[in-house]
Amino acid sequence: MNQVVNDFSIQVATVNGSGSQTANTVLLRAIFQMGIPVSGKNLFPSNIAGLPTWFTIRASRQGYVARRKETDIMVVMNPETAAEDVASVGPGGVIILNDAIKVPPIPEDRYVYAVPMKRLIEGITQDVRLRRLVVNMIYVGVLAELIGIAEQEIERALDAQLGKKPKALALNHQAVRAGWEFAREQLQKRDPFRLERMNETAGKILIDGNTAGALGALCSAASPW
């Protein structure tokens, strides 16, 4: 099997308002901290909680930032779009599946990793509302283990994201750890996708469109011209 290193896309299918934005930002930041050029885009039909949302992460050793047509790794967390999400993954692609979600038969030429999200999150918190928000961190841990995101970079990214909320931070760390341990002990790596450290993000920052616009406005206001 030919390895695919630092050149693939990840798509996470969840629902808006489920806390997935925090999880996906942690993934994006951790990959960036490994020195790998990476971009992320949140896609959703509206800002209404409960509607489908997809977050695409592209790691590109050449520094490409546009979304790819193909999805190499799909994380399936939304029952409403699960059939469509699974069908969008082509031969040789990876599907990380919340095993509580029912999907049509998946062709054998896809790599499927089923994860018992419900069972794993039940061991972390008994609060139903918090389970719904924190369960996404389990796929962060699973992905980190499968594709080689350094543990210390996930932890650094999580600290940066939730460092001012110590209770939430501790809970999310537990969820990430549960995903890591499950993947390490129960999943056999079979797909070709992996990440390796680079040094291509030195001197750069992660920034979204709104922040970039605000920074441009500040710079223009300060300019003597």
C-alpha atoms as a PDB file:
ATOM      1  CA  MET A   1       0.000   0.000   0.000  1.00  0.00           C
ATOM      2  CA  ASN A   2       1.378   3.415  -0.979  1.00  0.00           C
ATOM      3  CA  GLN A   3       1.357   5.852   1.922  1.00  0.00           C
ATOM      4  CA  VAL A   4      -0.422   9.189   1.472  1.00  0.00           C
ATOM      5  CA  VAL A   5       1.452  11.690   3.621  1.00  0.00           C
ATOM      6  CA  ASN A   6       0.364  15.274   4.352  1.00  0.00           C
ATOM      7  CA  ASP A   7      -1.877  15.469   1.309  1.00  0.00           C
ATOM      8  CA  PHE A   8      -5.516  14.582   1.953  1.00  0.00           C
ATOM      9  CA  SER A   9      -8.852  16.005   3.054  1.00  0.00           C
ATOM     10  CA  ILE A  10     -11.035  15.280   6.064  1.00  0.00           C
ATOM     11  CA  GLN A  11     -14.742  16.053   6.209  1.00  0.00           C
ATOM     12  CA  VAL A  12     -16.695  15.987   9.458  1.00  0.00           C
ATOM     13  CA  ALA A  13     -20.485  15.668   9.173  1.00  0.00           C
ATOM     14  CA  THR A  14     -22.319  16.799  12.307  1.00  0.00           C
ATOM     15  CA  VAL A  15     -25.193  19.089  13.265  1.00  0.00           C
ATOM     16  CA  ASN A  16     -24.996  22.803  13.902  1.00  0.00           C
ATOM     17  CA  GLY A  17     -24.877  23.705  17.584  1.00  0.00           C
ATOM     18  CA  SER A  18     -23.467  20.362  18.724  1.00  0.00           C
ATOM     19  CA  GLY A  19     -20.079  21.678  19.823  1.00  0.00           C
ATOM     20  CA  SER A  20     -18.393  20.308  16.719  1.00  0.00           C
ATOM     21  CA  GLN A  21     -16.842  23.676  15.859  1.00  0.00           C
ATOM     22  CA  THR A  22     -14.591  23.436  18.914  1.00  0.00           C
ATOM     23  CA  ALA A  23     -13.555  19.881  18.045  1.00  0.00           C
ATOM     24  CA  ASN A  24     -12.805  20.743  14.435  1.00  0.00           C
ATOM     25  CA  THR A  25     -10.839  23.845  15.369  1.00  0.00           C
ATOM     26  CA  VAL A  26      -8.712  21.733  17.705  1.00  0.00           C
ATOM     27  CA  LEU A  27      -7.945  19.344  14.832  1.00  0.00           C
ATOM     28  CA  LEU A  28      -7.098  22.213  12.499  1.00  0.00           C
ATOM     29  CA  ARG A  29      -4.865  23.963  15.015  1.00  0.00           C
ATOM     30  CA  ALA A  30      -3.040  20.767  15.989  1.00  0.00           C
ATOM     31  CA  ILE A  31      -2.178  19.962  12.361  1.00  0.00           C
ATOM     32  CA  PHE A  32      -0.970  23.545  11.853  1.00  0.00           C
ATOM     33  CA  GLN A  33       1.198  23.257  14.980  1.00  0.00           C
ATOM     34  CA  MET A  34       2.863  20.209  13.419  1.00  0.00           C
ATOM     35  CA  GLY A  35       4.181  22.548  10.713  1.00  0.00           C
ATOM     36  CA  ILE A  36       1.839  21.191   8.034  1.00  0.00           C
ATOM     37  CA  PRO A  37       0.048  23.652   5.717  1.00  0.00           C
ATOM     38  CA  VAL A  38      -3.665  23.210   6.420  1.00  0.00           C
ATOM     39  CA  SER A  39      -6.948  24.986   5.786  1.00  0.00           C
ATOM     40  CA  GLY A  40     -10.449  24.588   7.175  1.00  0.00           C
ATOM     41  CA  LYS A  41     -13.910  25.586   6.043  1.00  0.00           C
ATOM     42  CA  ASN A  42     -17.235  25.308   7.843  1.00  0.00           C
ATOM     43  CA  LEU A  43     -20.212  24.621   5.579  1.00  0.00           C
ATOM     44  CA  PHE A  44     -23.829  24.745   6.713  1.00  0.00           C
ATOM     45  CA  PRO A  45     -27.188  25.687   5.180  1.00  0.00           C
ATOM     46  CA  SER A  46     -28.136  28.073   7.983  1.00  0.00           C
ATOM     47  CA  ASN A  47     -27.261  29.113  11.519  1.00  0.00           C
ATOM     48  CA  ILE A  48     -30.177  27.150  12.971  1.00  0.00           C
ATOM     49  CA  ALA A  49     -29.107  24.637  15.607  1.00  0.00           C
ATOM     50  CA  GLY A  50     -29.790  21.061  14.629  1.00  0.00           C
ATOM     51  CA  LEU A  51     -29.382  21.459  10.887  1.00  0.00           C
ATOM     52  CA  PRO A  52     -26.586  19.633   9.046  1.00  0.00           C
ATOM     53  CA  THR A  53     -23.109  21.101   9.025  1.00  0.00           C
ATOM     54  CA  TRP A  54     -19.910  19.907   7.401  1.00  0.00           C
ATOM     55  CA  PHE A  55     -16.379  20.990   8.235  1.00  0.00           C
ATOM     56  CA  THR A  56     -13.638  20.320   5.701  1.00  0.00           C
ATOM     57  CA  ILE A  57      -9.953  20.188   6.619  1.00  0.00           C
ATOM     58  CA  ARG A  58      -7.335  20.021   3.896  1.00  0.00           C
ATOM     59  CA  ALA A  59      -3.760  19.132   4.733  1.00  0.00           C
ATOM     60  CA  SER A  60      -1.448  19.923   1.833  1.00  0.00           C
ATOM     61  CA  ARG A  61       2.321  19.680   1.949  1.00  0.00           C
ATOM     62  CA  GLN A  62       2.397  21.972  -1.107  1.00  0.00           C
ATOM     63  CA  GLY A  63       0.338  24.610   0.672  1.00  0.00           C
ATOM     64  CA  TYR A  64      -2.901  24.348  -1.322  1.00  0.00           C
ATOM     65  CA  VAL A  65      -5.855  25.731   0.625  1.00  0.00           C
ATOM     66  CA  ALA A  66      -8.868  25.207  -1.667  1.00  0.00           C
ATOM     67  CA  ARG A  67     -11.355  22.448  -0.853  1.00  0.00           C
ATOM     68  CA  ARG A  68     -10.849  19.237  -2.787  1.00  0.00           C
ATOM     69  CA  LYS A  69     -13.683  17.604  -4.693  1.00  0.00           C
ATOM     70  CA  GLU A  70     -12.835  14.230  -3.166  1.00  0.00           C
ATOM     71  CA  THR A  71     -13.229  13.348   0.486  1.00  0.00           C
ATOM     72  CA  ASP A  72     -10.457  11.067   1.713  1.00  0.00           C
ATOM     73  CA  ILE A  73     -11.614  10.732   5.325  1.00  0.00           C
ATOM     74  CA  MET A  74     -15.256  11.166   6.372  1.00  0.00           C
ATOM     75  CA  VAL A  75     -16.372  11.385  10.008  1.00  0.00           C
ATOM     76  CA  VAL A  76     -20.054  10.421  10.216  1.00  0.00           C
ATOM     77  CA  MET A  77     -21.844  11.949  13.218  1.00  0.00           C
ATOM     78  CA  ASN A  78     -25.212  13.049  11.784  1.00  0.00           C
ATOM     79  CA  PRO A  79     -27.900  10.358  11.273  1.00  0.00           C
ATOM     80  CA  GLU A  80     -29.893  12.659   8.958  1.00  0.00           C
ATOM     81  CA  THR A  81     -27.136  12.860   6.342  1.00  0.00           C
ATOM     82  CA  ALA A  82     -25.266   9.628   7.079  1.00  0.00           C
ATOM     83  CA  ALA A  83     -26.299   7.761   3.918  1.00  0.00           C
ATOM     84  CA  GLU A  84     -25.289  10.701   1.730  1.00  0.00           C
ATOM     85  CA  ASP A  85     -22.053  11.227   3.645  1.00  0.00           C
ATOM     86  CA  VAL A  86     -20.994   7.593   3.353  1.00  0.00           C
ATOM     87  CA  ALA A  87     -21.881   7.529  -0.341  1.00  0.00           C
ATOM     88  CA  SER A  88     -19.628  10.543  -0.981  1.00  0.00           C
ATOM     89  CA  VAL A  89     -16.519   8.552  -0.055  1.00  0.00           C
ATOM     90  CA  GLY A  90     -14.899   6.845  -3.021  1.00  0.00           C
ATOM     91  CA  PRO A  91     -12.834   3.644  -3.249  1.00  0.00           C
ATOM     92  CA  GLY A  92      -9.863   3.714  -0.908  1.00  0.00           C
ATOM     93  CA  GLY A  93     -11.460   6.350   1.312  1.00  0.00           C
ATOM     94  CA  VAL A  94     -11.892   6.202   5.087  1.00  0.00           C
ATOM     95  CA  ILE A  95     -15.147   6.333   7.042  1.00  0.00           C
ATOM     96  CA  ILE A  96     -15.053   6.922  10.795  1.00  0.00           C
ATOM     97  CA  LEU A  97     -18.547   5.975  11.898  1.00  0.00           C
ATOM     98  CA  ASN A  98     -20.453   6.577  15.104  1.00  0.00           C
ATOM     99  CA  ASP A  99     -21.657   2.997  15.481  1.00  0.00           C
ATOM    100  CA  ALA A 100     -25.066   4.118  16.767  1.00  0.00           C
ATOM    101  CA  ILE A 101     -25.842   5.504  13.286  1.00  0.00           C
ATOM    102  CA  LYS A 102     -27.392   3.129  10.792  1.00  0.00           C
ATOM    103  CA  VAL A 103     -26.026   3.370   7.253  1.00  0.00           C
ATOM    104  CA  PRO A 104     -26.556   1.397   4.031  1.00  0.00           C
ATOM    105  CA  PRO A 105     -24.068  -1.382   3.220  1.00  0.00           C
ATOM    106  CA  ILE A 106     -20.611   0.075   2.587  1.00  0.00           C
ATOM    107  CA  PRO A 107     -18.470  -1.305  -0.269  1.00  0.00           C
ATOM    108  CA  GLU A 108     -15.521  -3.389   0.852  1.00  0.00           C
ATOM    109  CA  ASP A 109     -13.032  -1.113  -0.884  1.00  0.00           C
ATOM    110  CA  ARG A 110     -13.590   1.579   1.766  1.00  0.00           C
ATOM    111  CA  TYR A 111     -11.833   1.552   5.140  1.00  0.00           C
ATOM    112  CA  VAL A 112     -14.450   1.656   7.893  1.00  0.00           C
ATOM    113  CA  TYR A 113     -13.672   2.316  11.554  1.00  0.00           C
ATOM    114  CA  ALA A 114     -16.762   1.969  13.766  1.00  0.00           C
ATOM    115  CA  VAL A 115     -16.510   3.770  17.108  1.00  0.00           C
ATOM    116  CA  PRO A 116     -18.905   3.237  20.063  1.00  0.00           C
ATOM    117  CA  MET A 117     -19.309   6.942  20.779  1.00  0.00           C
ATOM    118  CA  LYS A 118     -22.270   6.460  23.128  1.00  0.00           C
ATOM    119  CA  ARG A 119     -20.500   3.929  25.309  1.00  0.00           C
ATOM    120  CA  LEU A 120     -17.314   5.973  25.462  1.00  0.00           C
ATOM    121  CA  ILE A 121     -19.044   9.222  26.395  1.00  0.00           C
ATOM    122  CA  GLU A 122     -21.169   7.549  29.074  1.00  0.00           C
ATOM    123  CA  GLY A 123     -17.996   6.845  31.027  1.00  0.00           C
ATOM    124  CA  ILE A 124     -17.067  10.526  31.014  1.00  0.00           C
ATOM    125  CA  THR A 125     -20.217  12.398  32.079  1.00  0.00           C
ATOM    126  CA  GLN A 126     -23.766  11.622  33.155  1.00  0.00           C
ATOM    127  CA  ASP A 127     -25.039  15.032  32.034  1.00  0.00           C
ATOM    128  CA  VAL A 128     -27.042  14.424  28.836  1.00  0.00           C
ATOM    129  CA  ARG A 129     -26.529  17.985  27.563  1.00  0.00           C
ATOM    130  CA  LEU A 130     -22.780  17.809  28.106  1.00  0.00           C
ATOM    131  CA  ARG A 131     -22.596  14.415  26.400  1.00  0.00           C
ATOM    132  CA  ARG A 132     -24.053  15.944  23.255  1.00  0.00           C
ATOM    133  CA  LEU A 133     -21.424  18.690  23.273  1.00  0.00           C
ATOM    134  CA  VAL A 134     -18.386  16.690  24.324  1.00  0.00           C
ATOM    135  CA  VAL A 135     -18.910  13.525  22.254  1.00  0.00           C
ATOM    136  CA  ASN A 136     -17.273  15.218  19.255  1.00  0.00           C
ATOM    137  CA  MET A 137     -13.952  15.220  21.082  1.00  0.00           C
ATOM    138  CA  ILE A 138     -13.963  11.439  20.873  1.00  0.00           C
ATOM    139  CA  TYR A 139     -13.529  11.545  17.104  1.00  0.00           C
ATOM    140  CA  VAL A 140     -10.706  14.044  17.630  1.00  0.00           C
ATOM    141  CA  GLY A 141      -8.848  11.422  19.645  1.00  0.00           C
ATOM    142  CA  VAL A 142      -9.663   8.650  17.179  1.00  0.00           C
ATOM    143  CA  LEU A 143      -8.473  10.701  14.212  1.00  0.00           C
ATOM    144  CA  ALA A 144      -5.337  11.796  16.043  1.00  0.00           C
ATOM    145  CA  GLU A 145      -4.370   8.198  16.681  1.00  0.00           C
ATOM    146  CA  LEU A 146      -5.230   6.946  13.194  1.00  0.00           C
ATOM    147  CA  ILE A 147      -3.511   9.614  11.115  1.00  0.00           C
ATOM    148  CA  GLY A 148      -0.659  10.531  13.459  1.00  0.00           C
ATOM    149  CA  ILE A 149      -1.503  13.918  14.951  1.00  0.00           C
ATOM    150  CA  ALA A 150       0.911  14.329  17.852  1.00  0.00           C
ATOM    151  CA  GLU A 151      -0.779  14.018  21.228  1.00  0.00           C
ATOM    152  CA  GLN A 152       0.997  17.050  22.634  1.00  0.00           C
ATOM    153  CA  GLU A 153      -0.268  19.173  19.738  1.00  0.00           C
ATOM    154  CA  ILE A 154      -3.880  18.117  20.326  1.00  0.00           C
ATOM    155  CA  GLU A 155      -3.474  18.969  23.998  1.00  0.00           C
ATOM    156  CA  ARG A 156      -1.895  22.344  23.187  1.00  0.00           C
ATOM    157  CA  ALA A 157      -4.689  23.143  20.752  1.00  0.00           C
ATOM    158  CA  LEU A 158      -7.347  22.138  23.260  1.00  0.00           C
ATOM    159  CA  ASP A 159      -5.722  24.279  25.957  1.00  0.00           C
ATOM    160  CA  ALA A 160      -5.697  27.253  23.569  1.00  0.00           C
ATOM    161  CA  GLN A 161      -9.360  26.711  22.721  1.00  0.00           C
ATOM    162  CA  LEU A 162     -10.759  26.120  26.228  1.00  0.00           C
ATOM    163  CA  GLY A 163      -8.027  27.276  28.579  1.00  0.00           C
ATOM    164  CA  LYS A 164     -10.282  29.892  30.217  1.00  0.00           C
ATOM    165  CA  LYS A 165     -12.914  27.258  31.033  1.00  0.00           C
ATOM    166  CA  PRO A 166     -11.156  24.767  33.321  1.00  0.00           C
ATOM    167  CA  LYS A 167     -14.155  22.474  33.890  1.00  0.00           C
ATOM    168  CA  ALA A 168     -14.936  22.238  30.176  1.00  0.00           C
ATOM    169  CA  LEU A 169     -11.242  21.780  29.416  1.00  0.00           C
ATOM    170  CA  ALA A 170     -10.916  18.822  31.771  1.00  0.00           C
ATOM    171  CA  LEU A 171     -14.033  17.156  30.366  1.00  0.00           C
ATOM    172  CA  ASN A 172     -12.875  17.588  26.787  1.00  0.00           C
ATOM    173  CA  HIS A 173      -9.431  16.236  27.613  1.00  0.00           C
ATOM    174  CA  GLN A 174     -11.098  13.116  28.989  1.00  0.00           C
ATOM    175  CA  ALA A 175     -13.128  12.673  25.803  1.00  0.00           C
ATOM    176  CA  VAL A 176     -10.074  13.056  23.574  1.00  0.00           C
ATOM    177  CA  ARG A 177      -8.222  10.554  25.726  1.00  0.00           C
ATOM    178  CA  ALA A 178     -11.106   8.075  25.448  1.00  0.00           C
ATOM    179  CA  GLY A 179     -10.948   8.324  21.652  1.00  0.00           C
ATOM    180  CA  TRP A 180      -7.170   7.887  21.611  1.00  0.00           C
ATOM    181  CA  GLU A 181      -7.243   4.853  23.853  1.00  0.00           C
ATOM    182  CA  PHE A 182     -10.075   3.179  21.985  1.00  0.00           C
ATOM    183  CA  ALA A 183      -8.352   3.664  18.628  1.00  0.00           C
ATOM    184  CA  ARG A 184      -5.009   2.505  19.970  1.00  0.00           C
ATOM    185  CA  GLU A 185      -6.391  -0.624  21.580  1.00  0.00           C
ATOM    186  CA  GLN A 186      -9.279  -1.587  19.319  1.00  0.00           C
ATOM    187  CA  LEU A 187      -8.669  -0.273  15.798  1.00  0.00           C
ATOM    188  CA  GLN A 188      -6.146  -1.724  13.401  1.00  0.00           C
ATOM    189  CA  LYS A 189      -4.735   0.916  11.077  1.00  0.00           C
ATOM    190  CA  ARG A 190      -5.475  -0.236   7.506  1.00  0.00           C
ATOM    191  CA  ASP A 191      -5.684   2.935   5.418  1.00  0.00           C
ATOM    192  CA  PRO A 192      -2.769   4.828   3.797  1.00  0.00           C
ATOM    193  CA  PHE A 193      -3.381   8.334   5.176  1.00  0.00           C
ATOM    194  CA  ARG A 194      -1.001   9.813   7.722  1.00  0.00           C
ATOM    195  CA  LEU A 195       0.622  13.036   8.858  1.00  0.00           C
ATOM    196  CA  GLU A 196       4.287  13.770   9.471  1.00  0.00           C
ATOM    197  CA  ARG A 197       5.849  16.865  10.962  1.00  0.00           C
ATOM    198  CA  MET A 198       7.008  19.594   8.600  1.00  0.00           C
ATOM    199  CA  ASN A 199       8.332  23.126   9.054  1.00  0.00           C
ATOM    200  CA  GLU A 200       6.107  24.977   6.617  1.00  0.00           C
ATOM    201  CA  THR A 201       3.959  27.058   9.002  1.00  0.00           C
ATOM    202  CA  ALA A 202       6.739  28.939  10.802  1.00  0.00           C
ATOM    203  CA  GLY A 203       5.988  32.657  10.910  1.00  0.00           C
ATOM    204  CA  LYS A 204       2.380  32.094   9.829  1.00  0.00           C
ATOM    205  CA  ILE A 205      -0.915  32.251  11.680  1.00  0.00           C
ATOM    206  CA  LEU A 206      -4.272  30.519  11.394  1.00  0.00           C
ATOM    207  CA  ILE A 207      -6.951  33.052  10.567  1.00  0.00           C
ATOM    208  CA  ASP A 208     -10.542  33.048   9.321  1.00  0.00           C
ATOM    209  CA  GLY A 209     -12.182  35.495   6.935  1.00  0.00           C
ATOM    210  CA  ASN A 210     -13.850  37.630   9.598  1.00  0.00           C
ATOM    211  CA  THR A 211     -10.640  38.002  11.562  1.00  0.00           C
ATOM    212  CA  ALA A 212      -8.659  38.774   8.412  1.00  0.00           C
ATOM    213  CA  GLY A 213     -11.161  41.504   7.483  1.00  0.00           C
ATOM    214  CA  ALA A 214     -10.958  43.011  10.945  1.00  0.00           C
ATOM    215  CA  LEU A 215      -7.155  42.933  10.855  1.00  0.00           C
ATOM    216  CA  GLY A 216      -7.170  44.648   7.469  1.00  0.00           C
ATOM    217  CA  ALA A 217      -9.490  47.355   8.779  1.00  0.00           C
ATOM    218  CA  LEU A 218      -7.226  47.966  11.780  1.00  0.00           C
ATOM    219  CA  CYS A 219      -4.147  48.162   9.575  1.00  0.00           C
ATOM    220  CA  SER A 220      -5.790  50.590   7.157  1.00  0.00           C
ATOM    221  CA  ALA A 221      -7.002  52.782  10.009  1.00  0.00           C
ATOM    222  CA  ALA A 222      -3.478  52.951  11.403  1.00  0.00           C
ATOM    223  CA  SER A 223      -1.906  53.684   8.043  1.00  0.00           C
ATOM    224  CA  PRO A 224      -0.751  57.301   7.453  1.00  0.00           C
ATOM    225  CA  TRP A 225      -1.929  56.947   3.847  1.00  0.00           C
END
